[in-house]
Structures are given as structure tokens and as C-alpha cells.
Amino acid sequence: MNPTASQWSAWRTYSAPPWTAQDLATARAVSGTTISVVLPALNEEATIGPIVTAVIEDCMTHATLVDEVVVLDGHSTDRTAEIASAAGARVVSVSRALPELAVVPGKGEAMWRSLFCTTSDLIVFLDADLREFDASYVTALLGPLLTDSSIDLVKGYYRREVDSRGAGGGRVTELVARPLLNLHWPDLAGVVQPLGGEYAARRSALEQIPFATGYGVELGMLIDVLAVRGLDAIAQVALPQRRHTHQGLPALGRMAAELWQVALDRLDRDGHIVTVVEPNRTITQFPDDDPARVSRPEVYDIGVSQRPPAVSRPEYSERDSLRG
């Protein structure tokens, strides 16, 4: 690890978060800070209810730490929206968050649109497929932001669930994201989980950066906050073990292709490379469980769209009217 990343890791890593929800509720009351917890969700009926319930009970009822839980529903075809609403979340369809703009499918799209249907000072993003969720995630992620005004983005890191063979998550991180960061953004080499879906940030930072609409949103956000706010504005905090639904290799391959595109876009934008030919926007895959399908490969669109900084949109100043 380069010296800058090593120094950052020693200074900005919270390996044993000391805060309780009540401690932070007091701090946020003194400062008048408003906080939203946002969950982008698509067909997560099995997990969304317990997550919303835990956040509301621990962070809104027992301690007045959070103002609202918002589920950005990506047109789910199951009972995700119904269950989230019954649990107490404010459910907003991605198409209603900014109705005059056509929806691009993807997690990053939902996150970007959440800026238009919330008004809070701080936003905590959580993945909606977490199992055995612990509301201490929220407390830990908010701690650095509520106790240090120089921090703008807090990434969670955790021990990943593994199976009996010792295999588990993090394959795209280790094979794609971490090499990219070490090669081109070495100051970020100390970030343990660059693609982790649990993080919190100040609106004042989020509204200034573009959002990749798909799975590259986490990598893009990390690089862009580094660019506009500097390394010391980023922190990371330890969270309990993370359990969620693992993706198969073909899906991970498509995610990897999106990450490469996000990285290439930032490298070109910042003058580190010159793009002569635009990358192809499809990926051809051969299912490894059916040799007979070699002659019938599957082709997927893996093109990445970018949403501009929210402050560049005229609707952003009118976001109170987009809350429903």
C-alpha cells in the first residue's frame, strides 16, 4: 500500500465503532441534521420487511436518529413495495421520483433519483437483499458524519459470508475493482470494500457528482468523491458480517464489464487516457452448465449510462414536490 493510502487507513478507519444510536441522536438533535435511510429495491420481498422494521424500531422509535426510511422501488413485480410500505417505509417508484425523465434500469439510477425525492442532509444507502440485518449498520455509518464535519462519505466494510469450501462474495472486488484502484487511484488502496452497498454520505457531496446508473455506482462514487472532496473526506467503518444473495458467475461477469466502463470513463475524463474508440456495449456469454449451447450464446447489453450531478438539473431545487 502506498504511504498516502496507509496513512489514510490508519486515520480514517473505525474498526470498533464507539457510538450508540442514542449518542448520535443527541448529536444530530444539537446540530439539527436531518437523515434519510434509502434502500434501492427490485423484487426483494423476502428481505425488505425485516430491514425496514429494524431501522424504524432501533433508529426512529427507540432513538430518534433517523427521520425516514425510503424505498426506491425499481418497478418490482413481487410484493416488495407492499411489504415495505406496511413495515413503515415511504415507498417511491423510480419513475415517480423524476417523472419527466425516462427511467434507465439499474441500482445507480434509483440512488440518483433518491436525491430528488428526499431533502435530508445525510443519506444512508443500504442494499435491500441483506439477510439477518442489524440496525447497528446505520449507527456505525452515521457516526463519522455526525462527529466529524470534514467527512463526506463513509463506506462500510465487513467479513463476508463464506460457504463450506471457503468461497463467498467479493470476487468482483478482488478480480476487478481492487486492481483498478491500485493501478489508477492508489490513494484508495486502503478501502476494504470499495463495492460494498452500505454507506452514508452528505447530500452536499452527493449532489455534486455524477452517478453511474448500474452496478458501477459504488466505484464511480468513490472515485468522484476523491476527485471533488479529497481523500480525507472519505472514511470507512466496520460493520457486522454481511449476508446477502450471491450472484452467479455470468451475472458477476456483466458487473465486471460495467465496472471497467465506469473506470475508463473516469480515466478519460480526468485526462489519464485518451479514448480513441468507444467500448462495445454488449457482452457475449456461454452458460457453463450446458455445453450444447456453445452455438447459441447469450448476448447482454452492458452499456453504462451516467446521470449528471443532481445540482445540474432544474428539478433539483423543486425536490419537495417530488417526495411522493
C-alpha atoms as a PDB file:
ATOM      1  CA  MET A   1       0.000   0.000   0.000  1.00  0.00           C
ATOM      2  CA  ASN A   2       1.374   3.412  -0.865  1.00  0.00           C
ATOM      3  CA  PRO A   3       2.204   5.770   2.035  1.00  0.00           C
ATOM      4  CA  THR A   4      -0.779   8.060   1.420  1.00  0.00           C
ATOM      5  CA  ALA A   5      -3.250   5.172   1.470  1.00  0.00           C
ATOM      6  CA  SER A   6      -1.578   3.676   4.532  1.00  0.00           C
ATOM      7  CA  GLN A   7      -1.785   6.944   6.457  1.00  0.00           C
ATOM      8  CA  TRP A   8      -5.402   7.397   5.419  1.00  0.00           C
ATOM      9  CA  SER A   9      -6.295   3.878   6.546  1.00  0.00           C
ATOM     10  CA  ALA A  10      -4.763   4.427   9.973  1.00  0.00           C
ATOM     11  CA  TRP A  11      -6.580   7.751  10.405  1.00  0.00           C
ATOM     12  CA  ARG A  12      -9.941   7.201   8.727  1.00  0.00           C
ATOM     13  CA  THR A  13     -10.723   3.569   9.616  1.00  0.00           C
ATOM     14  CA  TYR A  14     -13.109   2.961  12.508  1.00  0.00           C
ATOM     15  CA  SER A  15     -12.550  -0.697  13.374  1.00  0.00           C
ATOM     16  CA  ALA A  16     -14.564  -0.583  16.606  1.00  0.00           C
ATOM     17  CA  PRO A  17     -17.359   1.987  16.218  1.00  0.00           C
ATOM     18  CA  PRO A  18     -17.938   3.506  19.685  1.00  0.00           C
ATOM     19  CA  TRP A  19     -21.292   5.191  19.074  1.00  0.00           C
ATOM     20  CA  THR A  20     -24.739   4.171  20.244  1.00  0.00           C
ATOM     21  CA  ALA A  21     -27.901   5.223  18.453  1.00  0.00           C
ATOM     22  CA  GLN A  22     -28.859   7.389  21.423  1.00  0.00           C
ATOM     23  CA  ASP A  23     -25.452   9.115  21.475  1.00  0.00           C
ATOM     24  CA  LEU A  24     -25.791  10.029  17.823  1.00  0.00           C
ATOM     25  CA  ALA A  25     -29.446  11.020  18.198  1.00  0.00           C
ATOM     26  CA  THR A  26     -28.335  13.599  20.749  1.00  0.00           C
ATOM     27  CA  ALA A  27     -25.557  14.849  18.475  1.00  0.00           C
ATOM     28  CA  ARG A  28     -27.848  15.180  15.489  1.00  0.00           C
ATOM     29  CA  ALA A  29     -30.510  16.984  17.563  1.00  0.00           C
ATOM     30  CA  VAL A  30     -27.935  19.565  18.625  1.00  0.00           C
ATOM     31  CA  SER A  31     -26.799  20.122  15.035  1.00  0.00           C
ATOM     32  CA  GLY A  32     -30.293  19.964  13.521  1.00  0.00           C
ATOM     33  CA  THR A  33     -29.112  17.425  10.949  1.00  0.00           C
ATOM     34  CA  THR A  34     -31.787  15.541   9.010  1.00  0.00           C
ATOM     35  CA  ILE A  35     -31.237  11.927   7.934  1.00  0.00           C
ATOM     36  CA  SER A  36     -32.848   9.546   5.436  1.00  0.00           C
ATOM     37  CA  VAL A  37     -32.179   5.834   5.044  1.00  0.00           C
ATOM     38  CA  VAL A  38     -32.615   4.858   1.385  1.00  0.00           C
ATOM     39  CA  LEU A  39     -32.989   1.333   0.017  1.00  0.00           C
ATOM     40  CA  PRO A  40     -32.978   0.837  -3.760  1.00  0.00           C
ATOM     41  CA  ALA A  41     -35.065  -2.304  -4.263  1.00  0.00           C
ATOM     42  CA  LEU A  42     -36.159  -4.596  -7.067  1.00  0.00           C
ATOM     43  CA  ASN A  43     -38.072  -7.776  -6.228  1.00  0.00           C
ATOM     44  CA  GLU A  44     -36.761  -8.079  -2.669  1.00  0.00           C
ATOM     45  CA  GLU A  45     -39.965  -9.179  -0.919  1.00  0.00           C
ATOM     46  CA  ALA A  46     -38.110 -11.800   1.136  1.00  0.00           C
ATOM     47  CA  THR A  47     -35.778  -9.321   2.860  1.00  0.00           C
ATOM     48  CA  ILE A  48     -37.156  -5.785   2.617  1.00  0.00           C
ATOM     49  CA  GLY A  49     -39.623  -6.057   5.513  1.00  0.00           C
ATOM     50  CA  PRO A  50     -37.177  -7.040   8.274  1.00  0.00           C
ATOM     51  CA  ILE A  51     -34.684  -4.366   7.178  1.00  0.00           C
ATOM     52  CA  VAL A  52     -37.255  -1.569   7.255  1.00  0.00           C
ATOM     53  CA  THR A  53     -38.678  -2.795  10.564  1.00  0.00           C
ATOM     54  CA  ALA A  54     -35.250  -2.960  12.214  1.00  0.00           C
ATOM     55  CA  VAL A  55     -34.273   0.555  11.122  1.00  0.00           C
ATOM     56  CA  ILE A  56     -37.577   2.064  12.244  1.00  0.00           C
ATOM     57  CA  GLU A  57     -37.566   0.294  15.612  1.00  0.00           C
ATOM     58  CA  ASP A  58     -33.933   0.968  16.513  1.00  0.00           C
ATOM     59  CA  CYS A  59     -33.278   4.307  14.816  1.00  0.00           C
ATOM     60  CA  MET A  60     -36.664   6.045  14.852  1.00  0.00           C
ATOM     61  CA  THR A  61     -38.658   4.589  17.760  1.00  0.00           C
ATOM     62  CA  HIS A  62     -36.056   3.694  20.394  1.00  0.00           C
ATOM     63  CA  ALA A  63     -33.740   6.529  19.338  1.00  0.00           C
ATOM     64  CA  THR A  64     -34.694   9.497  17.178  1.00  0.00           C
ATOM     65  CA  LEU A  65     -31.655   9.154  14.957  1.00  0.00           C
ATOM     66  CA  VAL A  66     -33.312   8.838  11.542  1.00  0.00           C
ATOM     67  CA  ASP A  67     -36.151  10.899  10.072  1.00  0.00           C
ATOM     68  CA  GLU A  68     -37.406   8.468   7.449  1.00  0.00           C
ATOM     69  CA  VAL A  69     -36.852   5.201   5.625  1.00  0.00           C
ATOM     70  CA  VAL A  70     -37.363   5.487   1.868  1.00  0.00           C
ATOM     71  CA  VAL A  71     -37.593   2.541  -0.511  1.00  0.00           C
ATOM     72  CA  LEU A  72     -36.908   3.413  -4.160  1.00  0.00           C
ATOM     73  CA  ASP A  73     -38.799   0.660  -5.919  1.00  0.00           C
ATOM     74  CA  GLY A  74     -37.492  -0.230  -9.369  1.00  0.00           C
ATOM     75  CA  HIS A  75     -40.881  -1.443 -10.668  1.00  0.00           C
ATOM     76  CA  SER A  76     -40.849  -4.683  -8.681  1.00  0.00           C
ATOM     77  CA  THR A  77     -43.185  -7.419  -9.891  1.00  0.00           C
ATOM     78  CA  ASP A  78     -43.453  -9.049  -6.463  1.00  0.00           C
ATOM     79  CA  ARG A  79     -44.729  -7.635  -3.137  1.00  0.00           C
ATOM     80  CA  THR A  80     -41.647  -5.540  -2.350  1.00  0.00           C
ATOM     81  CA  ALA A  81     -43.481  -2.197  -2.373  1.00  0.00           C
ATOM     82  CA  GLU A  82     -46.461  -3.520  -0.412  1.00  0.00           C
ATOM     83  CA  ILE A  83     -44.309  -5.123   2.283  1.00  0.00           C
ATOM     84  CA  ALA A  84     -42.025  -2.098   2.620  1.00  0.00           C
ATOM     85  CA  SER A  85     -44.982   0.240   2.987  1.00  0.00           C
ATOM     86  CA  ALA A  86     -46.639  -1.998   5.578  1.00  0.00           C
ATOM     87  CA  ALA A  87     -43.389  -2.015   7.566  1.00  0.00           C
ATOM     88  CA  GLY A  88     -43.406   1.787   7.694  1.00  0.00           C
ATOM     89  CA  ALA A  89     -41.222   2.895   4.787  1.00  0.00           C
ATOM     90  CA  ARG A  90     -42.120   5.647   2.369  1.00  0.00           C
ATOM     91  CA  VAL A  91     -42.160   3.835  -0.963  1.00  0.00           C
ATOM     92  CA  VAL A  92     -41.395   5.812  -4.109  1.00  0.00           C
ATOM     93  CA  SER A  93     -41.419   4.321  -7.585  1.00  0.00           C
ATOM     94  CA  VAL A  94     -38.306   5.268  -9.540  1.00  0.00           C
ATOM     95  CA  SER A  95     -40.496   6.647 -12.318  1.00  0.00           C
ATOM     96  CA  ARG A  96     -42.298   8.987  -9.903  1.00  0.00           C
ATOM     97  CA  ALA A  97     -39.094  10.323  -8.361  1.00  0.00           C
ATOM     98  CA  LEU A  98     -38.421  12.297 -11.542  1.00  0.00           C
ATOM     99  CA  PRO A  99     -41.458  11.659 -13.769  1.00  0.00           C
ATOM    100  CA  GLU A 100     -40.416  13.750 -16.760  1.00  0.00           C
ATOM    101  CA  LEU A 101     -37.243  11.690 -17.265  1.00  0.00           C
ATOM    102  CA  ALA A 102     -37.352   8.169 -18.723  1.00  0.00           C
ATOM    103  CA  VAL A 103     -36.054   5.530 -16.322  1.00  0.00           C
ATOM    104  CA  VAL A 104     -32.815   3.698 -17.054  1.00  0.00           C
ATOM    105  CA  PRO A 105     -32.739   0.307 -15.287  1.00  0.00           C
ATOM    106  CA  GLY A 106     -30.162  -0.034 -12.542  1.00  0.00           C
ATOM    107  CA  LYS A 107     -29.305   0.441  -8.896  1.00  0.00           C
ATOM    108  CA  GLY A 108     -27.402   3.663  -9.525  1.00  0.00           C
ATOM    109  CA  GLU A 109     -30.423   5.137 -11.278  1.00  0.00           C
ATOM    110  CA  ALA A 110     -32.571   4.565  -8.184  1.00  0.00           C
ATOM    111  CA  MET A 111     -29.913   6.075  -5.938  1.00  0.00           C
ATOM    112  CA  TRP A 112     -29.564   9.169  -8.129  1.00  0.00           C
ATOM    113  CA  ARG A 113     -33.326   9.650  -8.201  1.00  0.00           C
ATOM    114  CA  SER A 114     -33.457   9.355  -4.417  1.00  0.00           C
ATOM    115  CA  LEU A 115     -31.728  12.738  -4.263  1.00  0.00           C
ATOM    116  CA  PHE A 116     -34.799  14.238  -5.929  1.00  0.00           C
ATOM    117  CA  CYS A 117     -37.393  12.745  -3.566  1.00  0.00           C
ATOM    118  CA  THR A 118     -35.574  13.383  -0.286  1.00  0.00           C
ATOM    119  CA  THR A 119     -34.405  16.601   1.343  1.00  0.00           C
ATOM    120  CA  SER A 120     -32.251  15.289   4.193  1.00  0.00           C
ATOM    121  CA  ASP A 121     -28.718  16.450   4.971  1.00  0.00           C
ATOM    122  CA  LEU A 122     -27.348  12.904   5.277  1.00  0.00           C
ATOM    123  CA  ILE A 123     -28.338   9.799   3.326  1.00  0.00           C
ATOM    124  CA  VAL A 124     -27.629   6.222   4.369  1.00  0.00           C
ATOM    125  CA  PHE A 125     -27.769   3.732   1.499  1.00  0.00           C
ATOM    126  CA  LEU A 126     -28.475   0.077   2.282  1.00  0.00           C
ATOM    127  CA  ASP A 127     -28.792  -2.912  -0.031  1.00  0.00           C
ATOM    128  CA  ALA A 128     -32.280  -4.402   0.124  1.00  0.00           C
ATOM    129  CA  ASP A 129     -31.197  -8.062  -0.088  1.00  0.00           C
ATOM    130  CA  LEU A 130     -29.434  -8.271   3.281  1.00  0.00           C
ATOM    131  CA  ARG A 131     -30.308 -11.248   5.472  1.00  0.00           C
ATOM    132  CA  GLU A 132     -30.114 -11.165   9.284  1.00  0.00           C
ATOM    133  CA  PHE A 133     -29.881  -7.379   9.076  1.00  0.00           C
ATOM    134  CA  ASP A 134     -28.579  -5.469  12.089  1.00  0.00           C
ATOM    135  CA  ALA A 135     -29.645  -1.833  12.534  1.00  0.00           C
ATOM    136  CA  SER A 136     -26.223  -1.102  14.015  1.00  0.00           C
ATOM    137  CA  TYR A 137     -25.188  -0.736  10.361  1.00  0.00           C
ATOM    138  CA  VAL A 138     -26.985   2.605  10.333  1.00  0.00           C
ATOM    139  CA  THR A 139     -25.471   3.793  13.599  1.00  0.00           C
ATOM    140  CA  ALA A 140     -21.942   2.860  12.557  1.00  0.00           C
ATOM    141  CA  LEU A 141     -22.221   4.532   9.142  1.00  0.00           C
ATOM    142  CA  LEU A 142     -23.599   7.754  10.612  1.00  0.00           C
ATOM    143  CA  GLY A 143     -21.068   8.028  13.436  1.00  0.00           C
ATOM    144  CA  PRO A 144     -18.200   9.619  11.492  1.00  0.00           C
ATOM    145  CA  LEU A 145     -20.530  12.025   9.670  1.00  0.00           C
ATOM    146  CA  LEU A 146     -22.191  13.259  12.856  1.00  0.00           C
ATOM    147  CA  THR A 147     -18.953  13.628  14.811  1.00  0.00           C
ATOM    148  CA  ASP A 148     -16.562  14.977  12.161  1.00  0.00           C
ATOM    149  CA  SER A 149     -17.748  17.663   9.762  1.00  0.00           C
ATOM    150  CA  SER A 150     -14.761  17.112   7.449  1.00  0.00           C
ATOM    151  CA  ILE A 151     -16.004  13.638   6.442  1.00  0.00           C
ATOM    152  CA  ASP A 152     -18.386  13.408   3.464  1.00  0.00           C
ATOM    153  CA  LEU A 153     -18.544   9.681   2.617  1.00  0.00           C
ATOM    154  CA  VAL A 154     -18.428   6.666   4.943  1.00  0.00           C
ATOM    155  CA  LYS A 155     -18.020   3.199   3.446  1.00  0.00           C
ATOM    156  CA  GLY A 156     -18.906   0.089   5.406  1.00  0.00           C
ATOM    157  CA  TYR A 157     -16.618  -2.919   5.474  1.00  0.00           C
ATOM    158  CA  TYR A 158     -17.285  -6.365   6.902  1.00  0.00           C
ATOM    159  CA  ARG A 159     -16.375 -10.018   6.968  1.00  0.00           C
ATOM    160  CA  ARG A 160     -18.143 -11.735   4.105  1.00  0.00           C
ATOM    161  CA  GLU A 161     -20.197 -14.890   4.482  1.00  0.00           C
ATOM    162  CA  VAL A 162     -18.422 -17.968   3.100  1.00  0.00           C
ATOM    163  CA  ASP A 163     -19.590 -21.472   2.269  1.00  0.00           C
ATOM    164  CA  SER A 164     -18.129 -24.824   3.357  1.00  0.00           C
ATOM    165  CA  ARG A 165     -15.381 -24.529   0.726  1.00  0.00           C
ATOM    166  CA  GLY A 166     -14.314 -21.115   1.957  1.00  0.00           C
ATOM    167  CA  ALA A 167     -15.812 -19.411  -1.092  1.00  0.00           C
ATOM    168  CA  GLY A 168     -18.049 -16.399  -0.811  1.00  0.00           C
ATOM    169  CA  GLY A 169     -18.608 -12.874  -2.016  1.00  0.00           C
ATOM    170  CA  GLY A 170     -16.092 -10.302  -3.123  1.00  0.00           C
ATOM    171  CA  ARG A 171     -14.995 -11.920  -6.370  1.00  0.00           C
ATOM    172  CA  VAL A 172     -15.623  -8.836  -8.500  1.00  0.00           C
ATOM    173  CA  THR A 173     -13.892  -6.700  -5.878  1.00  0.00           C
ATOM    174  CA  GLU A 174     -10.735  -8.812  -5.882  1.00  0.00           C
ATOM    175  CA  LEU A 175     -10.591  -9.500  -9.621  1.00  0.00           C
ATOM    176  CA  VAL A 176     -11.646  -6.098 -10.975  1.00  0.00           C
ATOM    177  CA  ALA A 177     -12.245  -3.226  -8.558  1.00  0.00           C
ATOM    178  CA  ARG A 178      -9.202  -3.602  -6.327  1.00  0.00           C
ATOM    179  CA  PRO A 179      -6.718  -3.979  -9.204  1.00  0.00           C
ATOM    180  CA  LEU A 180      -8.239  -0.946 -10.942  1.00  0.00           C
ATOM    181  CA  LEU A 181      -7.995   1.208  -7.829  1.00  0.00           C
ATOM    182  CA  ASN A 182      -4.435   0.130  -7.042  1.00  0.00           C
ATOM    183  CA  LEU A 183      -3.313   0.765 -10.609  1.00  0.00           C
ATOM    184  CA  HIS A 184      -5.030   4.078 -11.274  1.00  0.00           C
ATOM    185  CA  TRP A 185      -6.209   5.514  -7.932  1.00  0.00           C
ATOM    186  CA  PRO A 186      -3.619   4.141  -5.481  1.00  0.00           C
ATOM    187  CA  ASP A 187      -4.670   6.580  -2.760  1.00  0.00           C
ATOM    188  CA  LEU A 188      -7.864   4.487  -2.485  1.00  0.00           C
ATOM    189  CA  ALA A 189      -5.959   1.227  -1.971  1.00  0.00           C
ATOM    190  CA  GLY A 190      -6.851   1.215   1.730  1.00  0.00           C
ATOM    191  CA  VAL A 191     -10.610   0.987   1.116  1.00  0.00           C
ATOM    192  CA  VAL A 192     -11.511  -2.525   2.244  1.00  0.00           C
ATOM    193  CA  GLN A 193     -14.864  -2.922   0.486  1.00  0.00           C
ATOM    194  CA  PRO A 194     -14.967  -0.461  -2.436  1.00  0.00           C
ATOM    195  CA  LEU A 195     -18.083  -2.109  -3.902  1.00  0.00           C
ATOM    196  CA  GLY A 196     -19.960  -2.562  -0.626  1.00  0.00           C
ATOM    197  CA  GLY A 197     -23.580  -1.443  -0.808  1.00  0.00           C
ATOM    198  CA  GLU A 198     -23.759   0.010   2.698  1.00  0.00           C
ATOM    199  CA  TYR A 199     -22.528   3.585   3.025  1.00  0.00           C
ATOM    200  CA  ALA A 200     -23.590   7.055   4.105  1.00  0.00           C
ATOM    201  CA  ALA A 201     -22.824  10.479   2.702  1.00  0.00           C
ATOM    202  CA  ARG A 202     -23.586  14.153   2.917  1.00  0.00           C
ATOM    203  CA  ARG A 203     -26.042  15.456   0.374  1.00  0.00           C
ATOM    204  CA  SER A 204     -23.672  18.355  -0.258  1.00  0.00           C
ATOM    205  CA  ALA A 205     -21.190  15.841  -1.707  1.00  0.00           C
ATOM    206  CA  LEU A 206     -23.636  13.520  -3.476  1.00  0.00           C
ATOM    207  CA  GLU A 207     -25.341  16.332  -5.352  1.00  0.00           C
ATOM    208  CA  GLN A 208     -22.022  17.406  -6.876  1.00  0.00           C
ATOM    209  CA  ILE A 209     -21.062  14.104  -8.524  1.00  0.00           C
ATOM    210  CA  PRO A 210     -22.352  12.053 -11.479  1.00  0.00           C
ATOM    211  CA  PHE A 211     -23.955   8.656 -10.875  1.00  0.00           C
ATOM    212  CA  ALA A 212     -23.390   5.559 -12.975  1.00  0.00           C
ATOM    213  CA  THR A 213     -26.853   4.074 -13.401  1.00  0.00           C
ATOM    214  CA  GLY A 214     -25.929   0.424 -12.868  1.00  0.00           C
ATOM    215  CA  TYR A 215     -23.669  -1.663 -10.656  1.00  0.00           C
ATOM    216  CA  GLY A 216     -20.733   0.663 -11.219  1.00  0.00           C
ATOM    217  CA  VAL A 217     -22.289   3.314  -8.986  1.00  0.00           C
ATOM    218  CA  GLU A 218     -20.167   2.452  -5.929  1.00  0.00           C
ATOM    219  CA  LEU A 219     -16.861   2.540  -7.792  1.00  0.00           C
ATOM    220  CA  GLY A 220     -17.787   5.763  -9.552  1.00  0.00           C
ATOM    221  CA  MET A 221     -18.895   7.421  -6.321  1.00  0.00           C
ATOM    222  CA  LEU A 222     -15.652   6.552  -4.559  1.00  0.00           C
ATOM    223  CA  ILE A 223     -13.523   7.925  -7.395  1.00  0.00           C
ATOM    224  CA  ASP A 224     -15.662  11.041  -7.785  1.00  0.00           C
ATOM    225  CA  VAL A 225     -15.748  11.951  -4.088  1.00  0.00           C
ATOM    226  CA  LEU A 226     -11.968  11.594  -4.096  1.00  0.00           C
ATOM    227  CA  ALA A 227     -11.843  13.998  -7.051  1.00  0.00           C
ATOM    228  CA  VAL A 228     -14.181  16.677  -5.680  1.00  0.00           C
ATOM    229  CA  ARG A 229     -13.620  16.435  -1.913  1.00  0.00           C
ATOM    230  CA  GLY A 230     -10.252  14.730  -1.449  1.00  0.00           C
ATOM    231  CA  LEU A 231      -9.116  11.531   0.253  1.00  0.00           C
ATOM    232  CA  ASP A 232      -9.542  12.829   3.797  1.00  0.00           C
ATOM    233  CA  ALA A 233     -13.275  13.339   3.156  1.00  0.00           C
ATOM    234  CA  ILE A 234     -13.677   9.541   2.929  1.00  0.00           C
ATOM    235  CA  ALA A 235     -13.806   7.181   5.913  1.00  0.00           C
ATOM    236  CA  GLN A 236     -14.623   3.519   6.476  1.00  0.00           C
ATOM    237  CA  VAL A 237     -16.253   1.762   9.391  1.00  0.00           C
ATOM    238  CA  ALA A 238     -16.508  -1.869  10.478  1.00  0.00           C
ATOM    239  CA  LEU A 239     -19.953  -3.483  10.234  1.00  0.00           C
ATOM    240  CA  PRO A 240     -21.254  -6.884  11.370  1.00  0.00           C
ATOM    241  CA  GLN A 241     -20.856  -9.821   8.994  1.00  0.00           C
ATOM    242  CA  ARG A 242     -22.803  -9.252   5.802  1.00  0.00           C
ATOM    243  CA  ARG A 243     -25.131 -11.938   4.468  1.00  0.00           C
ATOM    244  CA  HIS A 244     -26.915 -11.488   1.183  1.00  0.00           C
ATOM    245  CA  THR A 245     -27.829 -13.294  -2.015  1.00  0.00           C
ATOM    246  CA  HIS A 246     -24.756 -14.229  -4.053  1.00  0.00           C
ATOM    247  CA  GLN A 247     -24.782 -13.790  -7.816  1.00  0.00           C
ATOM    248  CA  GLY A 248     -23.697 -16.466 -10.279  1.00  0.00           C
ATOM    249  CA  LEU A 249     -20.581 -16.066 -12.406  1.00  0.00           C
ATOM    250  CA  PRO A 250     -22.380 -14.846 -15.564  1.00  0.00           C
ATOM    251  CA  ALA A 251     -24.023 -12.018 -13.603  1.00  0.00           C
ATOM    252  CA  LEU A 252     -20.684 -11.169 -11.996  1.00  0.00           C
ATOM    253  CA  GLY A 253     -19.121 -11.034 -15.454  1.00  0.00           C
ATOM    254  CA  ARG A 254     -21.667  -8.431 -16.509  1.00  0.00           C
ATOM    255  CA  MET A 255     -20.993  -6.440 -13.341  1.00  0.00           C
ATOM    256  CA  ALA A 256     -17.264  -6.554 -14.064  1.00  0.00           C
ATOM    257  CA  ALA A 257     -17.838  -5.168 -17.555  1.00  0.00           C
ATOM    258  CA  GLU A 258     -19.800  -2.254 -16.079  1.00  0.00           C
ATOM    259  CA  LEU A 259     -17.003  -1.509 -13.613  1.00  0.00           C
ATOM    260  CA  TRP A 260     -14.454  -1.383 -16.418  1.00  0.00           C
ATOM    261  CA  GLN A 261     -16.607   1.125 -18.287  1.00  0.00           C
ATOM    262  CA  VAL A 262     -17.021   3.347 -15.234  1.00  0.00           C
ATOM    263  CA  ALA A 263     -13.271   3.285 -14.627  1.00  0.00           C
ATOM    264  CA  LEU A 264     -12.452   4.023 -18.276  1.00  0.00           C
ATOM    265  CA  ASP A 265     -14.908   6.922 -18.258  1.00  0.00           C
ATOM    266  CA  ARG A 266     -13.207   8.489 -15.212  1.00  0.00           C
ATOM    267  CA  LEU A 267      -9.723   7.897 -16.607  1.00  0.00           C
ATOM    268  CA  ASP A 268     -10.701   9.590 -19.865  1.00  0.00           C
ATOM    269  CA  ARG A 269     -12.488  12.439 -18.090  1.00  0.00           C
ATOM    270  CA  ASP A 270      -9.501  13.190 -15.880  1.00  0.00           C
ATOM    271  CA  GLY A 271      -7.008  13.066 -18.753  1.00  0.00           C
ATOM    272  CA  HIS A 272      -5.227   9.851 -17.760  1.00  0.00           C
ATOM    273  CA  ILE A 273      -6.101   8.115 -21.030  1.00  0.00           C
ATOM    274  CA  VAL A 274      -7.439   9.165 -24.410  1.00  0.00           C
ATOM    275  CA  THR A 275     -10.358   7.103 -25.693  1.00  0.00           C
ATOM    276  CA  VAL A 276      -9.985   6.625 -29.441  1.00  0.00           C
ATOM    277  CA  VAL A 277     -12.727   4.022 -29.910  1.00  0.00           C
ATOM    278  CA  GLU A 278     -15.750   3.785 -27.632  1.00  0.00           C
ATOM    279  CA  PRO A 279     -16.066   0.427 -25.820  1.00  0.00           C
ATOM    280  CA  ASN A 280     -18.508  -2.148 -27.124  1.00  0.00           C
ATOM    281  CA  ARG A 281     -21.819  -2.123 -25.230  1.00  0.00           C
ATOM    282  CA  THR A 282     -22.616  -5.843 -25.267  1.00  0.00           C
ATOM    283  CA  ILE A 283     -21.131  -8.962 -23.724  1.00  0.00           C
ATOM    284  CA  THR A 284     -21.415 -12.487 -25.127  1.00  0.00           C
ATOM    285  CA  GLN A 285     -21.568 -15.290 -22.571  1.00  0.00           C
ATOM    286  CA  PHE A 286     -21.643 -19.078 -22.793  1.00  0.00           C
ATOM    287  CA  PRO A 287     -23.505 -20.842 -19.952  1.00  0.00           C
ATOM    288  CA  ASP A 288     -21.005 -23.283 -18.454  1.00  0.00           C
ATOM    289  CA  ASP A 289     -23.678 -25.763 -17.406  1.00  0.00           C
ATOM    290  CA  ASP A 290     -24.825 -26.536 -20.944  1.00  0.00           C
ATOM    291  CA  PRO A 291     -22.082 -27.374 -23.495  1.00  0.00           C
ATOM    292  CA  ALA A 292     -24.739 -27.781 -26.171  1.00  0.00           C
ATOM    293  CA  ARG A 293     -25.407 -24.041 -26.054  1.00  0.00           C
ATOM    294  CA  VAL A 294     -21.994 -23.054 -27.414  1.00  0.00           C
ATOM    295  CA  SER A 295     -23.686 -22.448 -30.735  1.00  0.00           C
ATOM    296  CA  ARG A 296     -26.373 -20.351 -29.014  1.00  0.00           C
ATOM    297  CA  PRO A 297     -24.532 -17.859 -26.795  1.00  0.00           C
ATOM    298  CA  GLU A 298     -26.349 -15.281 -24.714  1.00  0.00           C
ATOM    299  CA  VAL A 299     -25.737 -11.615 -25.523  1.00  0.00           C
ATOM    300  CA  TYR A 300     -26.403  -8.912 -22.938  1.00  0.00           C
ATOM    301  CA  ASP A 301     -26.410  -5.135 -23.078  1.00  0.00           C
ATOM    302  CA  ILE A 302     -23.815  -3.927 -20.587  1.00  0.00           C
ATOM    303  CA  GLY A 303     -23.686  -0.299 -21.694  1.00  0.00           C
ATOM    304  CA  VAL A 304     -23.332   2.138 -18.803  1.00  0.00           C
ATOM    305  CA  SER A 305     -25.263   5.384 -18.632  1.00  0.00           C
ATOM    306  CA  GLN A 306     -24.196   8.308 -16.480  1.00  0.00           C
ATOM    307  CA  ARG A 307     -26.532  10.692 -14.711  1.00  0.00           C
ATOM    308  CA  PRO A 308     -25.184  14.222 -14.236  1.00  0.00           C
ATOM    309  CA  PRO A 309     -24.724  15.860 -10.832  1.00  0.00           C
ATOM    310  CA  ALA A 310     -28.152  16.455  -9.321  1.00  0.00           C
ATOM    311  CA  VAL A 311     -27.499  20.171  -8.895  1.00  0.00           C
ATOM    312  CA  SER A 312     -27.266  20.499 -12.678  1.00  0.00           C
ATOM    313  CA  ARG A 313     -30.931  19.527 -13.074  1.00  0.00           C
ATOM    314  CA  PRO A 314     -33.520  22.332 -12.718  1.00  0.00           C
ATOM    315  CA  GLU A 315     -35.902  19.929 -10.941  1.00  0.00           C
ATOM    316  CA  TYR A 316     -33.479  19.527  -8.065  1.00  0.00           C
ATOM    317  CA  SER A 317     -34.426  22.842  -6.476  1.00  0.00           C
ATOM    318  CA  GLU A 318     -38.065  21.700  -6.559  1.00  0.00           C
ATOM    319  CA  ARG A 319     -37.481  18.300  -4.945  1.00  0.00           C
ATOM    320  CA  ASP A 320     -40.028  18.885  -2.157  1.00  0.00           C
ATOM    321  CA  SER A 321     -42.723  18.353  -4.800  1.00  0.00           C
ATOM    322  CA  LEU A 322     -41.193  15.007  -5.865  1.00  0.00           C
ATOM    323  CA  ARG A 323     -41.405  13.261  -2.499  1.00  0.00           C
ATOM    324  CA  GLY A 324     -44.478  11.168  -3.233  1.00  0.00           C
END
